[in-house]
């Protein structure tokens, strides 16, 4: 099955190259002219981080309001922000007799600790909100740099999911089932 997918992708790539050549488009020159816009990536990350900051602010506000209402459904966890050392984190956990929530936001002021380290300090929950986005961005930058500098879309040292697995991850099977059911 994987060989069939690779064959189909190869035919697809060949078709793209033929159409581009027929239209007078130099794909190699286009690839060579790719520029990774680091300032734009950093600006996007700053906007994303600002959104996360706002979301956490709203969560803290809601938690404070629930605690103030002293209802049975009141928020029963404490989110301590801007702790800048493991000692401060340990002190915060010891100061509250309630489960503690750690925001392990890459680029923030709080040190990034493993789940085991958080548990040892006294945290009940740890969240790593930016981890997958930052890892994906680094992988994309590496892949695009390789494409630009070497003209290769795939290298042996590149970790990739195969196309079939990718289709499953993003839910294409559901789309295909929907199309099959409703196609005329």
C-alpha atoms as a PDB file:
ATOM      1  CA  UNK A   1       0.000   0.000   0.000  1.00  0.00           C
ATOM      2  CA  UNK A   2       2.796   2.411   0.944  1.00  0.00           C
ATOM      3  CA  UNK A   3       4.559   1.719  -2.382  1.00  0.00           C
ATOM      4  CA  UNK A   4       1.324   2.523  -4.216  1.00  0.00           C
ATOM      5  CA  UNK A   5       1.072   5.829  -2.365  1.00  0.00           C
ATOM      6  CA  UNK A   6       4.702   6.661  -3.111  1.00  0.00           C
ATOM      7  CA  UNK A   7       4.108   5.782  -6.770  1.00  0.00           C
ATOM      8  CA  UNK A   8       1.001   7.977  -6.903  1.00  0.00           C
ATOM      9  CA  UNK A   9       2.860  10.864  -5.266  1.00  0.00           C
ATOM     10  CA  UNK A  10       5.740  10.431  -7.713  1.00  0.00           C
ATOM     11  CA  UNK A  11       3.334  10.562 -10.660  1.00  0.00           C
ATOM     12  CA  UNK A  12       1.703  13.619  -9.117  1.00  0.00           C
ATOM     13  CA  UNK A  13       5.096  15.328  -8.738  1.00  0.00           C
ATOM     14  CA  UNK A  14       6.011  14.423 -12.330  1.00  0.00           C
ATOM     15  CA  UNK A  15       2.712  15.918 -13.521  1.00  0.00           C
ATOM     16  CA  UNK A  16       3.389  19.124 -11.632  1.00  0.00           C
ATOM     17  CA  UNK A  17       6.860  19.364 -13.154  1.00  0.00           C
ATOM     18  CA  UNK A  18       5.481  18.810 -16.691  1.00  0.00           C
ATOM     19  CA  UNK A  19       2.732  21.420 -16.268  1.00  0.00           C
ATOM     20  CA  UNK A  20       5.215  23.903 -14.811  1.00  0.00           C
ATOM     21  CA  UNK A  21       7.630  23.304 -17.708  1.00  0.00           C
ATOM     22  CA  UNK A  22       4.785  23.733 -20.233  1.00  0.00           C
ATOM     23  CA  UNK A  23       3.865  27.051 -18.594  1.00  0.00           C
ATOM     24  CA  UNK A  24       7.497  28.237 -18.532  1.00  0.00           C
ATOM     25  CA  UNK A  25       7.756  28.053 -14.731  1.00  0.00           C
ATOM     26  CA  UNK A  26      11.179  27.172 -13.321  1.00  0.00           C
ATOM     27  CA  UNK A  27      10.385  25.206 -10.149  1.00  0.00           C
ATOM     28  CA  UNK A  28      14.043  24.918  -9.118  1.00  0.00           C
ATOM     29  CA  UNK A  29      14.444  28.707  -9.282  1.00  0.00           C
ATOM     30  CA  UNK A  30      11.232  29.105  -7.292  1.00  0.00           C
ATOM     31  CA  UNK A  31      12.463  26.712  -4.637  1.00  0.00           C
ATOM     32  CA  UNK A  32      15.856  28.438  -4.560  1.00  0.00           C
ATOM     33  CA  UNK A  33      14.141  31.777  -3.996  1.00  0.00           C
ATOM     34  CA  UNK A  34      12.268  30.579  -0.914  1.00  0.00           C
ATOM     35  CA  UNK A  35      13.081  32.775   2.048  1.00  0.00           C
ATOM     36  CA  UNK A  36      12.305  31.758   5.602  1.00  0.00           C
ATOM     37  CA  UNK A  37      10.903  34.930   7.115  1.00  0.00           C
ATOM     38  CA  UNK A  38      12.146  34.638  10.704  1.00  0.00           C
ATOM     39  CA  UNK A  39      10.711  38.017  11.827  1.00  0.00           C
ATOM     40  CA  UNK A  40       7.262  36.998  10.519  1.00  0.00           C
ATOM     41  CA  UNK A  41       7.516  33.644  12.320  1.00  0.00           C
ATOM     42  CA  UNK A  42       8.509  35.419  15.529  1.00  0.00           C
ATOM     43  CA  UNK A  43       5.646  37.923  15.143  1.00  0.00           C
ATOM     44  CA  UNK A  44       3.164  35.074  14.653  1.00  0.00           C
ATOM     45  CA  UNK A  45       4.508  33.289  17.728  1.00  0.00           C
ATOM     46  CA  UNK A  46       4.215  36.518  19.752  1.00  0.00           C
ATOM     47  CA  UNK A  47       0.569  36.906  18.662  1.00  0.00           C
ATOM     48  CA  UNK A  48      -0.114  33.259  19.542  1.00  0.00           C
ATOM     49  CA  UNK A  49       1.539  33.695  22.927  1.00  0.00           C
ATOM     50  CA  UNK A  50      -0.504  36.856  23.574  1.00  0.00           C
ATOM     51  CA  UNK A  51      -3.667  34.892  22.811  1.00  0.00           C
ATOM     52  CA  UNK A  52      -2.608  32.152  25.237  1.00  0.00           C
ATOM     53  CA  UNK A  53      -1.818  34.773  27.878  1.00  0.00           C
ATOM     54  CA  UNK A  54      -5.298  36.243  27.432  1.00  0.00           C
ATOM     55  CA  UNK A  55      -6.890  32.789  27.658  1.00  0.00           C
ATOM     56  CA  UNK A  56      -5.026  32.051  30.900  1.00  0.00           C
ATOM     57  CA  UNK A  57      -6.005  35.449  32.280  1.00  0.00           C
ATOM     58  CA  UNK A  58      -9.650  34.636  31.589  1.00  0.00           C
ATOM     59  CA  UNK A  59      -9.250  31.192  33.184  1.00  0.00           C
ATOM     60  CA  UNK A  60      -7.736  32.755  36.308  1.00  0.00           C
ATOM     61  CA  UNK A  61     -10.489  35.370  36.422  1.00  0.00           C
ATOM     62  CA  UNK A  62     -13.169  32.702  36.112  1.00  0.00           C
ATOM     63  CA  UNK A  63     -11.468  30.645  38.828  1.00  0.00           C
ATOM     64  CA  UNK A  64     -11.342  33.639  41.151  1.00  0.00           C
ATOM     65  CA  UNK A  65     -15.012  34.385  40.530  1.00  0.00           C
ATOM     66  CA  UNK A  66     -15.977  30.763  41.217  1.00  0.00           C
ATOM     67  CA  UNK A  67     -13.940  30.726  44.407  1.00  0.00           C
ATOM     68  CA  UNK A  68     -15.517  34.025  45.503  1.00  0.00           C
ATOM     69  CA  UNK A  69     -18.976  32.545  44.966  1.00  0.00           C
ATOM     70  CA  UNK A  70     -18.034  29.764  47.418  1.00  0.00           C
ATOM     71  CA  UNK A  71     -20.213  27.286  45.612  1.00  0.00           C
ATOM     72  CA  UNK A  72     -19.834  23.544  45.656  1.00  0.00           C
ATOM     73  CA  UNK A  73     -18.877  23.849  42.002  1.00  0.00           C
ATOM     74  CA  UNK A  74     -16.205  26.438  42.797  1.00  0.00           C
ATOM     75  CA  UNK A  75     -12.814  26.085  41.212  1.00  0.00           C
ATOM     76  CA  UNK A  76     -10.720  23.705  43.284  1.00  0.00           C
ATOM     77  CA  UNK A  77      -7.299  24.280  41.757  1.00  0.00           C
ATOM     78  CA  UNK A  78      -4.766  27.080  41.961  1.00  0.00           C
ATOM     79  CA  UNK A  79      -2.882  28.351  38.939  1.00  0.00           C
ATOM     80  CA  UNK A  80       0.245  30.161  40.067  1.00  0.00           C
ATOM     81  CA  UNK A  81       1.756  32.268  37.298  1.00  0.00           C
ATOM     82  CA  UNK A  82       5.154  33.936  36.856  1.00  0.00           C
ATOM     83  CA  UNK A  83       7.051  31.705  39.229  1.00  0.00           C
ATOM     84  CA  UNK A  84      10.641  32.006  38.090  1.00  0.00           C
ATOM     85  CA  UNK A  85      12.395  29.190  39.934  1.00  0.00           C
ATOM     86  CA  UNK A  86      11.764  25.669  41.155  1.00  0.00           C
ATOM     87  CA  UNK A  87      12.096  26.976  44.724  1.00  0.00           C
ATOM     88  CA  UNK A  88       9.245  29.457  44.125  1.00  0.00           C
ATOM     89  CA  UNK A  89       7.195  26.663  42.557  1.00  0.00           C
ATOM     90  CA  UNK A  90       7.807  24.400  45.549  1.00  0.00           C
ATOM     91  CA  UNK A  91       6.881  27.218  47.965  1.00  0.00           C
ATOM     92  CA  UNK A  92       3.644  27.927  46.085  1.00  0.00           C
ATOM     93  CA  UNK A  93       2.640  24.248  46.187  1.00  0.00           C
ATOM     94  CA  UNK A  94       3.320  24.088  49.911  1.00  0.00           C
ATOM     95  CA  UNK A  95       1.319  27.285  50.561  1.00  0.00           C
ATOM     96  CA  UNK A  96      -1.982  25.991  49.176  1.00  0.00           C
ATOM     97  CA  UNK A  97      -3.993  23.014  50.323  1.00  0.00           C
ATOM     98  CA  UNK A  98      -5.485  22.402  46.891  1.00  0.00           C
ATOM     99  CA  UNK A  99      -4.303  20.831  43.631  1.00  0.00           C
ATOM    100  CA  UNK A 100      -1.863  23.057  41.768  1.00  0.00           C
ATOM    101  CA  UNK A 101      -1.756  23.635  37.998  1.00  0.00           C
ATOM    102  CA  UNK A 102       1.591  24.298  36.238  1.00  0.00           C
ATOM    103  CA  UNK A 103       1.670  26.152  32.921  1.00  0.00           C
ATOM    104  CA  UNK A 104       4.827  24.946  31.193  1.00  0.00           C
ATOM    105  CA  UNK A 105       4.729  27.553  28.452  1.00  0.00           C
ATOM    106  CA  UNK A 106       7.926  27.576  26.404  1.00  0.00           C
ATOM    107  CA  UNK A 107       9.396  31.052  26.372  1.00  0.00           C
ATOM    108  CA  UNK A 108       7.673  31.999  29.635  1.00  0.00           C
ATOM    109  CA  UNK A 109       9.310  32.893  32.929  1.00  0.00           C
ATOM    110  CA  UNK A 110       8.534  29.626  34.707  1.00  0.00           C
ATOM    111  CA  UNK A 111      11.186  26.908  34.267  1.00  0.00           C
ATOM    112  CA  UNK A 112      10.030  24.026  32.057  1.00  0.00           C
ATOM    113  CA  UNK A 113      10.011  20.838  34.121  1.00  0.00           C
ATOM    114  CA  UNK A 114       9.129  17.246  33.314  1.00  0.00           C
ATOM    115  CA  UNK A 115       5.869  15.740  34.523  1.00  0.00           C
ATOM    116  CA  UNK A 116       7.804  13.715  37.121  1.00  0.00           C
ATOM    117  CA  UNK A 117       9.568  16.846  38.415  1.00  0.00           C
ATOM    118  CA  UNK A 118       6.248  18.710  38.658  1.00  0.00           C
ATOM    119  CA  UNK A 119       4.741  15.835  40.624  1.00  0.00           C
ATOM    120  CA  UNK A 120       7.744  15.757  42.986  1.00  0.00           C
ATOM    121  CA  UNK A 121       7.352  19.497  43.656  1.00  0.00           C
ATOM    122  CA  UNK A 122       3.649  19.078  44.388  1.00  0.00           C
ATOM    123  CA  UNK A 123       1.773  19.889  41.188  1.00  0.00           C
ATOM    124  CA  UNK A 124      -1.321  17.891  40.269  1.00  0.00           C
ATOM    125  CA  UNK A 125      -1.555  19.047  36.659  1.00  0.00           C
ATOM    126  CA  UNK A 126       1.001  20.245  34.116  1.00  0.00           C
ATOM    127  CA  UNK A 127       0.182  21.735  30.740  1.00  0.00           C
ATOM    128  CA  UNK A 128       2.626  22.258  27.860  1.00  0.00           C
ATOM    129  CA  UNK A 129       0.535  24.487  25.545  1.00  0.00           C
ATOM    130  CA  UNK A 130       3.139  25.482  22.969  1.00  0.00           C
ATOM    131  CA  UNK A 131       5.211  22.305  22.783  1.00  0.00           C
ATOM    132  CA  UNK A 132       3.676  20.689  19.703  1.00  0.00           C
ATOM    133  CA  UNK A 133       3.494  23.961  17.777  1.00  0.00           C
ATOM    134  CA  UNK A 134       7.138  24.793  18.492  1.00  0.00           C
ATOM    135  CA  UNK A 135       8.336  21.283  17.568  1.00  0.00           C
ATOM    136  CA  UNK A 136       6.269  21.381  14.364  1.00  0.00           C
ATOM    137  CA  UNK A 137       7.633  24.836  13.468  1.00  0.00           C
ATOM    138  CA  UNK A 138      11.221  23.622  13.941  1.00  0.00           C
ATOM    139  CA  UNK A 139      10.558  20.555  11.764  1.00  0.00           C
ATOM    140  CA  UNK A 140       8.953  22.729   9.069  1.00  0.00           C
ATOM    141  CA  UNK A 141      11.895  25.125   9.099  1.00  0.00           C
ATOM    142  CA  UNK A 142      14.340  22.222   8.752  1.00  0.00           C
ATOM    143  CA  UNK A 143      12.345  20.643   5.910  1.00  0.00           C
ATOM    144  CA  UNK A 144      11.994  23.936   4.025  1.00  0.00           C
ATOM    145  CA  UNK A 145      15.662  24.767   4.498  1.00  0.00           C
ATOM    146  CA  UNK A 146      16.588  21.322   3.105  1.00  0.00           C
ATOM    147  CA  UNK A 147      14.211  21.859   0.191  1.00  0.00           C
ATOM    148  CA  UNK A 148      15.743  25.270  -0.511  1.00  0.00           C
ATOM    149  CA  UNK A 149      19.409  24.364  -0.085  1.00  0.00           C
ATOM    150  CA  UNK A 150      19.425  20.818  -1.471  1.00  0.00           C
ATOM    151  CA  UNK A 151      16.253  20.691  -3.552  1.00  0.00           C
ATOM    152  CA  UNK A 152      15.145  17.598  -1.629  1.00  0.00           C
ATOM    153  CA  UNK A 153      11.649  17.060  -0.283  1.00  0.00           C
ATOM    154  CA  UNK A 154      12.649  13.956   1.632  1.00  0.00           C
ATOM    155  CA  UNK A 155      15.919  12.881   3.235  1.00  0.00           C
ATOM    156  CA  UNK A 156      16.847   9.713   5.168  1.00  0.00           C
ATOM    157  CA  UNK A 157      17.417  11.661   8.409  1.00  0.00           C
ATOM    158  CA  UNK A 158      14.047  13.411   8.197  1.00  0.00           C
ATOM    159  CA  UNK A 159      11.334  12.037  10.477  1.00  0.00           C
ATOM    160  CA  UNK A 160       8.017  11.940   8.640  1.00  0.00           C
ATOM    161  CA  UNK A 161       4.740  10.139   9.077  1.00  0.00           C
ATOM    162  CA  UNK A 162       3.781   8.273   5.939  1.00  0.00           C
ATOM    163  CA  UNK A 163       1.014   9.741   3.817  1.00  0.00           C
ATOM    164  CA  UNK A 164      -1.576   7.130   4.822  1.00  0.00           C
ATOM    165  CA  UNK A 165      -0.952   7.796   8.515  1.00  0.00           C
ATOM    166  CA  UNK A 166      -1.128  11.558   7.858  1.00  0.00           C
ATOM    167  CA  UNK A 167      -4.515  11.134   6.173  1.00  0.00           C
ATOM    168  CA  UNK A 168      -5.725   9.300   9.279  1.00  0.00           C
ATOM    169  CA  UNK A 169      -4.329  11.918  11.635  1.00  0.00           C
ATOM    170  CA  UNK A 170      -6.135  14.779   9.938  1.00  0.00           C
ATOM    171  CA  UNK A 171      -9.395  12.883   9.471  1.00  0.00           C
ATOM    172  CA  UNK A 172      -9.411  12.290   5.717  1.00  0.00           C
ATOM    173  CA  UNK A 173     -11.116   8.899   6.206  1.00  0.00           C
ATOM    174  CA  UNK A 174     -14.157  10.755   7.563  1.00  0.00           C
ATOM    175  CA  UNK A 175     -14.095  13.146   4.609  1.00  0.00           C
ATOM    176  CA  UNK A 176     -13.843  10.272   2.147  1.00  0.00           C
ATOM    177  CA  UNK A 177     -16.697   8.410   3.874  1.00  0.00           C
ATOM    178  CA  UNK A 178     -18.824  11.574   3.748  1.00  0.00           C
ATOM    179  CA  UNK A 179     -18.039  12.088   0.064  1.00  0.00           C
ATOM    180  CA  UNK A 180     -18.820   8.452  -0.721  1.00  0.00           C
ATOM    181  CA  UNK A 181     -22.120   8.630   1.145  1.00  0.00           C
ATOM    182  CA  UNK A 182     -23.288  11.906  -0.424  1.00  0.00           C
ATOM    183  CA  UNK A 183     -21.696  11.773  -3.896  1.00  0.00           C
ATOM    184  CA  UNK A 184     -24.153  11.782  -6.780  1.00  0.00           C
END
